[in-house]
Amino acid sequence: MKNPNLRKLAEIRDALNSKFYEREKQVEGILVALLSRQHMLMIGPAGTAKSALSVELAKIINGTTYFQWLLTRFSTPEEVFGPLSLKDLEKGIYKRVTTTKMPEAHLVFLDEIFKANSAILNSLLTLINERLFYNDGSPVQVPLMSVIGASNEYPEEGEGLEALFDRFLLRFEIDFIADETNFVSMMKGIGQTQEMPSITKEELTQLQLLTDEVFIPDEVYEALSRIRIELRDEGIRPSDRRFKQSLSVLQAKALLNQRQVVNIDDIEILENALWETVDQISTVSNVIRNHSQNAVTQSLYTIQNEATDVYYSMVQDHSPEAGMEANVKMKALLADLNQLKTHNQSRKADINGLIDKVTSMQHEILDRILDPYYFEAQKGKRKSTSVFF
């Protein structure tokens, strides 16, 4: 797919991954949310780069309006939606001045979103779900693309926040950096001063339209149906609406990996979409991974077997011709692996591991091809062996 905007999208993902350590899933999630015009929630302790990631993304997209706010129990509608117009109020018109506030933003970050009180909640729900803001009773279409929500904790039951929680199709848990090498790199500021790529609002809009055109094959629909049945057997019942909305997420993930067709393994991202309560996360993840990873796993298994066969065939046939042929086949297998990695970033670690193994086999083959004494020695072995028998 030779689209320059897709190249920019790949550059943005790489740059964000270089700047934010151990946030690959969240980076993918926030870009998928943006492409699919869905909303994303990050749940985790303070100091885990939730707001920093959102701010950085807003800087990258030129021409968009960004709104960020920290909600508290005492936040007022004026803070989020704008103050009342005093001139209109004198005329008995209840109208808000929305300049620089959420109703005029393309990208929104709301921190501690579950602190939203009832005075804010109803307008927030309508704005997020329907992209409408009622000003003096009249519905106004808003330019909102995505809301990125963040919270240090899950909403408590009985607080009336279920509807707000449901508005976020993608939900990611986030934690502190686990790997010590990454932690030290973060402390040193490695990757923090790099020049970040950018994309215009118009280019992003084109990508969003392109996302809508990504083809979903029947095998993906059938897999989703099987997942729905298995989840139902476990007592987990995502709504039909949530499944329907998830299709746009699959299309966005495929486009992010520069494909025009959804693959079975794209379904893996739905482990962040099809659960409703914390105790369901593990079960949903297991069910979805059983369906999504089969295709990539099978490809890796096939390539590994082919590489092993090529290597041992070359060991048994000691001729230079066999060595050259084996080298060509190894190159082809490595090309397949790199292509697989490009389209399956979530399995990057597994694919890189096999790339290392196949590369090691290829190097040994090349060493034997380039060694002038190797084949002469093998010839001598064959002669002595034939005499012996």
Protein backbone atom coordinates (compact mmCIF):
# COMPACT_ATOMS: atom_id res chain seq x y z
CA MET A 1 0.00 0.00 0.00
CA LYS A 2 1.89 3.02 -1.31
CA ASN A 3 0.23 5.84 0.59
CA PRO A 4 2.55 8.53 2.00
CA ASN A 5 0.17 9.13 4.89
CA LEU A 6 0.54 5.50 5.94
CA ARG A 7 4.30 5.96 5.99
CA LYS A 8 3.82 8.98 8.26
CA LEU A 9 1.57 6.91 10.49
CA ALA A 10 4.26 4.24 10.83
CA GLU A 11 6.85 6.93 11.64
CA ILE A 12 4.57 8.36 14.34
CA ARG A 13 4.13 4.95 15.95
CA ASP A 14 7.88 4.26 15.90
CA ALA A 15 8.65 7.70 17.35
CA LEU A 16 6.11 7.34 20.16
CA ASN A 17 7.42 3.87 21.00
CA SER A 18 10.96 5.26 21.16
CA LYS A 19 9.90 8.07 23.47
CA PHE A 20 7.56 6.13 25.78
CA TYR A 21 9.09 2.94 27.13
CA GLU A 22 6.92 -0.19 27.44
CA ARG A 23 3.88 1.58 26.06
CA GLU A 24 3.64 -0.24 22.71
CA LYS A 25 0.09 -1.48 23.33
CA GLN A 26 -1.10 1.93 24.49
CA VAL A 27 0.55 3.65 21.53
CA GLU A 28 -1.14 1.21 19.17
CA GLY A 29 -4.42 1.70 21.04
CA ILE A 30 -4.39 5.49 20.89
CA LEU A 31 -3.60 5.47 17.15
CA VAL A 32 -6.27 2.85 16.48
CA ALA A 33 -8.78 4.92 18.48
CA LEU A 34 -7.92 7.98 16.41
CA LEU A 35 -8.18 6.17 13.07
CA SER A 36 -11.48 4.52 14.01
CA ARG A 37 -12.87 7.66 15.71
CA GLN A 38 -13.43 5.65 18.89
CA HIS A 39 -12.58 6.47 22.49
CA MET A 40 -9.86 4.98 24.67
CA LEU A 41 -9.41 4.62 28.42
CA MET A 42 -6.13 4.15 30.32
CA ILE A 43 -6.32 2.87 33.88
CA GLY A 44 -3.26 2.85 36.13
CA PRO A 45 -1.34 4.65 38.86
CA ALA A 46 -0.25 8.27 38.59
CA GLY A 47 3.08 8.86 36.89
CA THR A 48 2.71 6.29 34.12
CA ALA A 49 2.71 8.76 31.19
CA LYS A 50 -1.04 8.66 30.52
CA SER A 51 -1.38 12.39 29.99
CA ALA A 52 2.10 12.75 28.45
CA LEU A 53 1.22 10.29 25.67
CA SER A 54 -1.99 12.15 24.88
CA VAL A 55 -0.27 15.54 24.87
CA GLU A 56 2.48 14.26 22.57
CA LEU A 57 -0.07 12.89 20.13
CA ALA A 58 -1.89 16.24 20.08
CA LYS A 59 1.37 18.00 19.19
CA ILE A 60 1.95 15.59 16.32
CA ILE A 61 -1.40 16.32 14.63
CA ASN A 62 -1.17 19.79 13.13
CA GLY A 63 -4.34 21.80 12.74
CA THR A 64 -6.37 20.12 15.46
CA THR A 65 -7.76 21.66 18.63
CA TYR A 66 -6.83 19.91 21.86
CA PHE A 67 -8.62 20.10 25.21
CA GLN A 68 -7.29 18.63 28.44
CA TRP A 69 -8.82 18.77 31.90
CA LEU A 70 -8.43 17.17 35.30
CA LEU A 71 -11.85 16.37 36.70
CA THR A 72 -12.63 16.46 40.41
CA ARG A 73 -15.82 15.99 42.43
CA PHE A 74 -16.14 19.76 42.42
CA SER A 75 -15.57 20.39 38.69
CA THR A 76 -18.23 22.59 37.16
CA PRO A 77 -19.81 22.50 33.68
CA GLU A 78 -18.16 25.87 32.98
CA GLU A 79 -14.72 24.30 33.26
CA VAL A 80 -15.45 21.65 30.63
CA PHE A 81 -18.11 23.15 28.37
CA GLY A 82 -17.52 26.89 28.77
CA PRO A 83 -19.09 29.74 30.80
CA LEU A 84 -22.55 31.14 30.21
CA SER A 85 -22.74 34.14 27.89
CA LEU A 86 -23.74 37.07 30.09
CA LYS A 87 -25.13 39.03 27.12
CA ASP A 88 -27.36 36.13 26.13
CA LEU A 89 -28.33 35.51 29.73
CA GLU A 90 -29.70 39.07 29.94
CA LYS A 91 -32.03 38.11 27.07
CA GLY A 92 -33.11 34.94 28.83
CA ILE A 93 -30.95 32.76 26.59
CA TYR A 94 -29.05 30.00 28.38
CA LYS A 95 -26.04 29.72 26.05
CA ARG A 96 -22.44 28.77 26.75
CA VAL A 97 -19.30 30.28 25.22
CA THR A 98 -17.52 27.11 24.12
CA THR A 99 -14.33 28.70 22.78
CA THR A 100 -11.23 26.69 23.87
CA LYS A 101 -13.48 24.17 25.66
CA MET A 102 -14.40 20.54 24.97
CA PRO A 103 -17.27 21.20 22.49
CA GLU A 104 -14.79 22.74 20.04
CA ALA A 105 -11.97 20.20 20.40
CA HIS A 106 -10.92 17.46 17.97
CA LEU A 107 -8.91 15.52 20.54
CA VAL A 108 -9.76 15.48 24.25
CA PHE A 109 -7.91 14.15 27.28
CA LEU A 110 -9.91 13.89 30.51
CA ASP A 111 -7.88 12.90 33.54
CA GLU A 112 -9.58 11.21 36.49
CA ILE A 113 -12.66 10.91 34.32
CA PHE A 114 -14.61 8.91 36.88
CA LYS A 115 -14.60 11.92 39.17
CA ALA A 116 -17.17 13.47 36.81
CA ASN A 117 -20.22 14.56 38.80
CA SER A 118 -23.85 14.53 37.77
CA ALA A 119 -23.74 18.18 36.68
CA ILE A 120 -21.23 17.26 33.97
CA LEU A 121 -22.14 13.64 33.27
CA ASN A 122 -25.23 13.93 31.05
CA SER A 123 -23.69 16.48 28.65
CA LEU A 124 -20.46 14.48 28.63
CA LEU A 125 -22.24 11.25 27.67
CA THR A 126 -24.10 12.87 24.77
CA LEU A 127 -20.99 14.64 23.52
CA ILE A 128 -18.84 11.50 23.62
CA ASN A 129 -21.39 9.12 22.11
CA GLU A 130 -23.38 11.25 19.66
CA ARG A 131 -20.87 14.04 19.00
CA LEU A 132 -23.58 16.53 19.94
CA PHE A 133 -23.58 19.36 22.48
CA TYR A 134 -26.87 20.91 23.48
CA ASN A 135 -26.40 24.66 23.83
CA ASP A 136 -29.55 26.49 24.92
CA GLY A 137 -31.46 23.34 24.05
CA SER A 138 -30.25 23.24 20.45
CA PRO A 139 -28.01 20.36 19.31
CA VAL A 140 -24.67 21.45 17.91
CA GLN A 141 -22.47 18.99 16.01
CA VAL A 142 -18.98 18.89 17.53
CA PRO A 143 -15.69 18.14 15.68
CA LEU A 144 -14.65 15.51 18.24
CA MET A 145 -12.54 12.64 16.90
CA SER A 146 -11.54 10.82 20.08
CA VAL A 147 -11.67 11.18 23.83
CA ILE A 148 -8.74 9.72 25.76
CA GLY A 149 -9.80 9.09 29.32
CA ALA A 150 -7.54 8.29 32.25
CA SER A 151 -8.09 7.13 35.79
CA ASN A 152 -6.01 5.85 38.67
CA GLU A 153 -8.75 3.36 39.50
CA TYR A 154 -11.83 1.66 38.15
CA PRO A 155 -15.24 3.23 38.82
CA GLU A 156 -17.00 1.87 41.87
CA GLU A 157 -20.33 0.12 41.53
CA GLY A 158 -23.41 2.11 42.40
CA GLU A 159 -21.98 5.50 41.45
CA GLY A 160 -23.89 5.73 38.18
CA LEU A 161 -20.77 5.68 36.02
CA GLU A 162 -21.54 2.51 34.08
CA ALA A 163 -22.74 4.44 31.02
CA LEU A 164 -19.60 6.59 30.99
CA PHE A 165 -17.37 3.52 31.32
CA ASP A 166 -19.23 1.89 28.43
CA ARG A 167 -18.49 4.87 26.15
CA PHE A 168 -14.83 3.82 25.98
CA LEU A 169 -14.54 1.02 23.45
CA LEU A 170 -10.82 0.48 24.08
CA ARG A 171 -9.58 0.03 27.64
CA PHE A 172 -5.95 -0.46 28.61
CA GLU A 173 -4.39 -1.12 31.99
CA ILE A 174 -1.06 0.67 32.39
CA ASP A 175 1.69 0.23 34.98
CA PHE A 176 5.17 1.46 35.83
CA ILE A 177 8.15 0.48 33.66
CA ALA A 178 9.09 -3.12 34.48
CA ASP A 179 12.42 -3.63 32.70
CA GLU A 180 15.37 -2.06 34.52
CA THR A 181 17.22 -1.26 31.29
CA ASN A 182 14.21 0.66 30.03
CA PHE A 183 13.89 2.37 33.41
CA VAL A 184 17.50 3.58 33.29
CA SER A 185 17.05 4.75 29.68
CA MET A 186 13.97 6.69 30.75
CA MET A 187 15.87 8.25 33.66
CA LYS A 188 18.67 9.30 31.30
CA GLY A 189 16.14 10.85 28.94
CA ILE A 190 17.15 8.66 26.00
CA GLY A 191 14.76 9.28 23.12
CA GLN A 192 13.20 12.34 24.73
CA THR A 193 14.92 14.94 22.56
CA GLN A 194 14.25 13.35 19.17
CA GLU A 195 12.43 15.35 16.54
CA MET A 196 8.89 14.02 16.33
CA PRO A 197 7.12 13.43 13.01
CA SER A 198 3.86 15.19 12.25
CA ILE A 199 0.66 14.81 10.26
CA THR A 200 -2.01 17.35 9.35
CA LYS A 201 -5.67 17.15 10.29
CA GLU A 202 -6.54 16.76 6.62
CA GLU A 203 -4.13 13.84 6.24
CA LEU A 204 -5.58 12.21 9.35
CA THR A 205 -9.10 12.63 7.96
CA GLN A 206 -8.01 10.89 4.76
CA LEU A 207 -6.63 8.02 6.83
CA GLN A 208 -9.90 7.77 8.76
CA LEU A 209 -11.81 7.51 5.49
CA LEU A 210 -9.32 4.90 4.29
CA THR A 211 -9.92 2.96 7.51
CA ASP A 212 -13.62 2.71 6.67
CA GLU A 213 -12.70 1.02 3.37
CA VAL A 214 -10.56 -1.76 4.87
CA PHE A 215 -12.08 -5.12 3.92
CA ILE A 216 -13.20 -7.58 6.60
CA PRO A 217 -13.27 -11.19 5.28
CA ASP A 218 -15.86 -13.76 6.32
CA GLU A 219 -13.32 -15.72 8.37
CA VAL A 220 -13.01 -12.73 10.72
CA TYR A 221 -16.78 -12.45 11.16
CA GLU A 222 -16.94 -16.19 11.83
CA ALA A 223 -14.15 -15.93 14.41
CA LEU A 224 -15.99 -13.10 16.16
CA SER A 225 -19.13 -15.24 16.25
CA ARG A 226 -17.20 -18.11 17.86
CA ILE A 227 -15.65 -15.70 20.37
CA ARG A 228 -19.12 -14.39 21.24
CA ILE A 229 -20.38 -17.94 21.87
CA GLU A 230 -17.38 -18.86 24.03
CA LEU A 231 -17.67 -15.66 26.06
CA ARG A 232 -21.37 -16.27 26.55
CA ASP A 233 -20.57 -19.76 27.85
CA GLU A 234 -18.32 -18.06 30.41
CA GLY A 235 -21.15 -15.74 31.46
CA ILE A 236 -19.62 -12.74 29.66
CA ARG A 237 -21.99 -10.88 27.36
CA PRO A 238 -20.57 -7.90 25.47
CA SER A 239 -23.39 -5.99 23.78
CA ASP A 240 -24.16 -6.32 20.08
CA ARG A 241 -23.29 -2.63 19.77
CA ARG A 242 -19.83 -3.22 21.23
CA PHE A 243 -19.15 -6.05 18.78
CA LYS A 244 -20.34 -3.86 15.90
CA GLN A 245 -18.14 -0.94 16.98
CA SER A 246 -15.20 -3.32 17.31
CA LEU A 247 -15.17 -3.80 13.55
CA SER A 248 -13.83 -0.26 13.11
CA VAL A 249 -11.05 -1.07 15.56
CA LEU A 250 -10.05 -4.12 13.50
CA GLN A 251 -10.06 -2.02 10.34
CA ALA A 252 -7.89 0.62 12.01
CA LYS A 253 -5.40 -1.96 13.26
CA ALA A 254 -5.08 -3.44 9.78
CA LEU A 255 -4.49 0.01 8.27
CA LEU A 256 -1.95 0.85 10.98
CA ASN A 257 -0.06 -2.23 9.80
CA GLN A 258 -0.40 -0.99 6.20
CA ARG A 259 -2.97 -3.55 5.09
CA GLN A 260 -6.29 -3.14 3.29
CA VAL A 261 -7.64 -6.43 4.64
CA VAL A 262 -8.24 -7.43 8.28
CA ASN A 263 -6.32 -10.53 9.37
CA ILE A 264 -7.45 -13.03 11.99
CA ASP A 265 -4.57 -12.00 14.27
CA ASP A 266 -5.89 -8.40 14.33
CA ILE A 267 -8.61 -9.71 16.63
CA GLU A 268 -6.08 -9.76 19.48
CA ILE A 269 -6.66 -6.05 20.14
CA LEU A 270 -10.24 -6.86 21.15
CA GLU A 271 -8.98 -8.25 24.44
CA ASN A 272 -9.03 -4.55 25.35
CA ALA A 273 -12.62 -4.09 24.21
CA LEU A 274 -14.88 -7.02 25.05
CA TRP A 275 -14.76 -7.11 28.85
CA GLU A 276 -17.04 -5.22 31.20
CA THR A 277 -15.64 -5.93 34.67
CA VAL A 278 -12.12 -6.39 35.99
CA ASP A 279 -12.64 -10.06 36.83
CA GLN A 280 -13.47 -10.76 33.16
CA ILE A 281 -10.18 -9.46 31.74
CA SER A 282 -8.21 -12.71 31.99
CA THR A 283 -10.98 -14.89 30.55
CA VAL A 284 -11.65 -12.53 27.65
CA SER A 285 -7.93 -12.32 26.89
CA ASN A 286 -7.55 -16.12 26.82
CA VAL A 287 -10.58 -16.65 24.58
CA ILE A 288 -9.52 -13.98 22.10
CA ARG A 289 -5.88 -15.05 21.96
CA ASN A 290 -6.90 -18.64 21.25
CA HIS A 291 -8.55 -17.35 18.08
CA SER A 292 -6.27 -14.49 17.09
CA GLN A 293 -2.82 -16.01 17.48
CA ASN A 294 -3.45 -19.22 15.56
CA ALA A 295 -2.68 -17.70 12.15
CA VAL A 296 0.61 -16.05 13.13
CA THR A 297 1.65 -19.00 15.28
CA GLN A 298 1.03 -21.37 12.37
CA SER A 299 3.08 -19.16 10.04
CA LEU A 300 5.98 -19.09 12.51
CA TYR A 301 5.78 -22.87 12.95
CA THR A 302 5.81 -23.42 9.17
CA ILE A 303 8.76 -21.08 8.59
CA GLN A 304 10.75 -22.65 11.42
CA ASN A 305 10.19 -26.15 9.98
CA GLU A 306 11.16 -25.00 6.49
CA ALA A 307 14.33 -23.34 7.77
CA THR A 308 15.31 -26.48 9.68
CA ASP A 309 14.70 -28.66 6.62
CA VAL A 310 16.78 -26.36 4.40
CA TYR A 311 19.63 -26.30 6.90
CA TYR A 312 19.87 -30.06 7.37
CA SER A 313 19.48 -30.71 3.64
CA MET A 314 22.54 -28.53 3.08
CA VAL A 315 24.43 -30.41 5.83
CA GLN A 316 23.70 -33.72 4.13
CA ASP A 317 24.47 -32.46 0.60
CA HIS A 318 27.94 -30.92 0.88
CA SER A 319 28.14 -29.50 -2.63
CA PRO A 320 28.60 -25.75 -3.24
CA GLU A 321 25.41 -25.79 -5.32
CA ALA A 322 23.41 -27.06 -2.34
CA GLY A 323 24.92 -24.36 -0.15
CA MET A 324 24.01 -21.60 -2.62
CA GLU A 325 20.48 -22.94 -2.96
CA ALA A 326 20.08 -23.13 0.83
CA ASN A 327 21.27 -19.52 1.18
CA VAL A 328 18.65 -18.32 -1.35
CA LYS A 329 15.90 -20.18 0.52
CA MET A 330 17.00 -18.73 3.86
CA LYS A 331 16.88 -15.22 2.38
CA ALA A 332 13.32 -15.86 1.22
CA LEU A 333 12.29 -17.13 4.66
CA LEU A 334 13.83 -14.08 6.34
CA ALA A 335 11.92 -11.84 3.92
CA ASP A 336 8.70 -13.65 4.89
CA LEU A 337 9.48 -13.14 8.57
CA ASN A 338 10.16 -9.43 8.14
CA GLN A 339 6.92 -9.07 6.22
CA LEU A 340 5.11 -10.92 9.00
CA LYS A 341 6.66 -8.58 11.58
CA THR A 342 5.57 -5.49 9.66
CA HIS A 343 1.96 -6.61 9.79
CA ASN A 344 1.97 -8.09 13.30
CA GLN A 345 3.67 -5.70 15.69
CA SER A 346 1.95 -7.33 18.67
CA ARG A 347 3.95 -10.53 17.97
CA LYS A 348 7.19 -8.66 17.35
CA ALA A 349 9.13 -10.41 20.12
CA ASP A 350 8.19 -13.92 18.91
CA ILE A 351 8.98 -13.06 15.29
CA ASN A 352 12.31 -11.44 16.18
CA GLY A 353 13.29 -14.58 18.09
CA LEU A 354 12.75 -16.73 15.00
CA ILE A 355 14.52 -14.16 12.80
CA ASP A 356 17.59 -14.54 15.04
CA LYS A 357 17.50 -18.33 14.70
CA VAL A 358 17.08 -18.31 10.91
CA THR A 359 19.78 -15.64 10.57
CA SER A 360 22.17 -17.79 12.61
CA MET A 361 21.49 -20.77 10.30
CA GLN A 362 22.05 -18.58 7.24
CA HIS A 363 25.37 -17.30 8.59
CA GLU A 364 26.58 -20.84 9.13
CA ILE A 365 25.58 -21.71 5.57
CA LEU A 366 27.46 -18.65 4.26
CA ASP A 367 30.54 -19.56 6.32
CA ARG A 368 30.59 -22.98 4.70
CA ILE A 369 30.08 -21.57 1.21
CA LEU A 370 32.95 -19.09 1.68
CA ASP A 371 35.31 -21.64 3.24
CA PRO A 372 37.45 -23.03 0.34
CA TYR A 373 38.56 -26.02 2.42
CA TYR A 374 35.12 -27.09 3.60
CA PHE A 375 33.89 -28.78 0.45
CA GLU A 376 37.29 -30.42 -0.26
CA ALA A 377 37.21 -31.89 3.22
CA GLN A 378 33.67 -33.16 2.66
CA LYS A 379 34.74 -34.77 -0.62
CA GLY A 380 37.54 -36.57 1.20
CA LYS A 381 35.10 -37.82 3.82
CA ARG A 382 32.78 -39.16 1.17
CA LYS A 383 35.67 -41.02 -0.59
CA SER A 384 36.98 -42.59 2.59
CA THR A 385 33.48 -43.56 3.61
CA SER A 386 32.79 -45.31 0.28
CA VAL A 387 36.06 -47.27 0.51
CA PHE A 388 35.29 -48.31 4.08
CA PHE A 389 31.92 -49.71 3.11
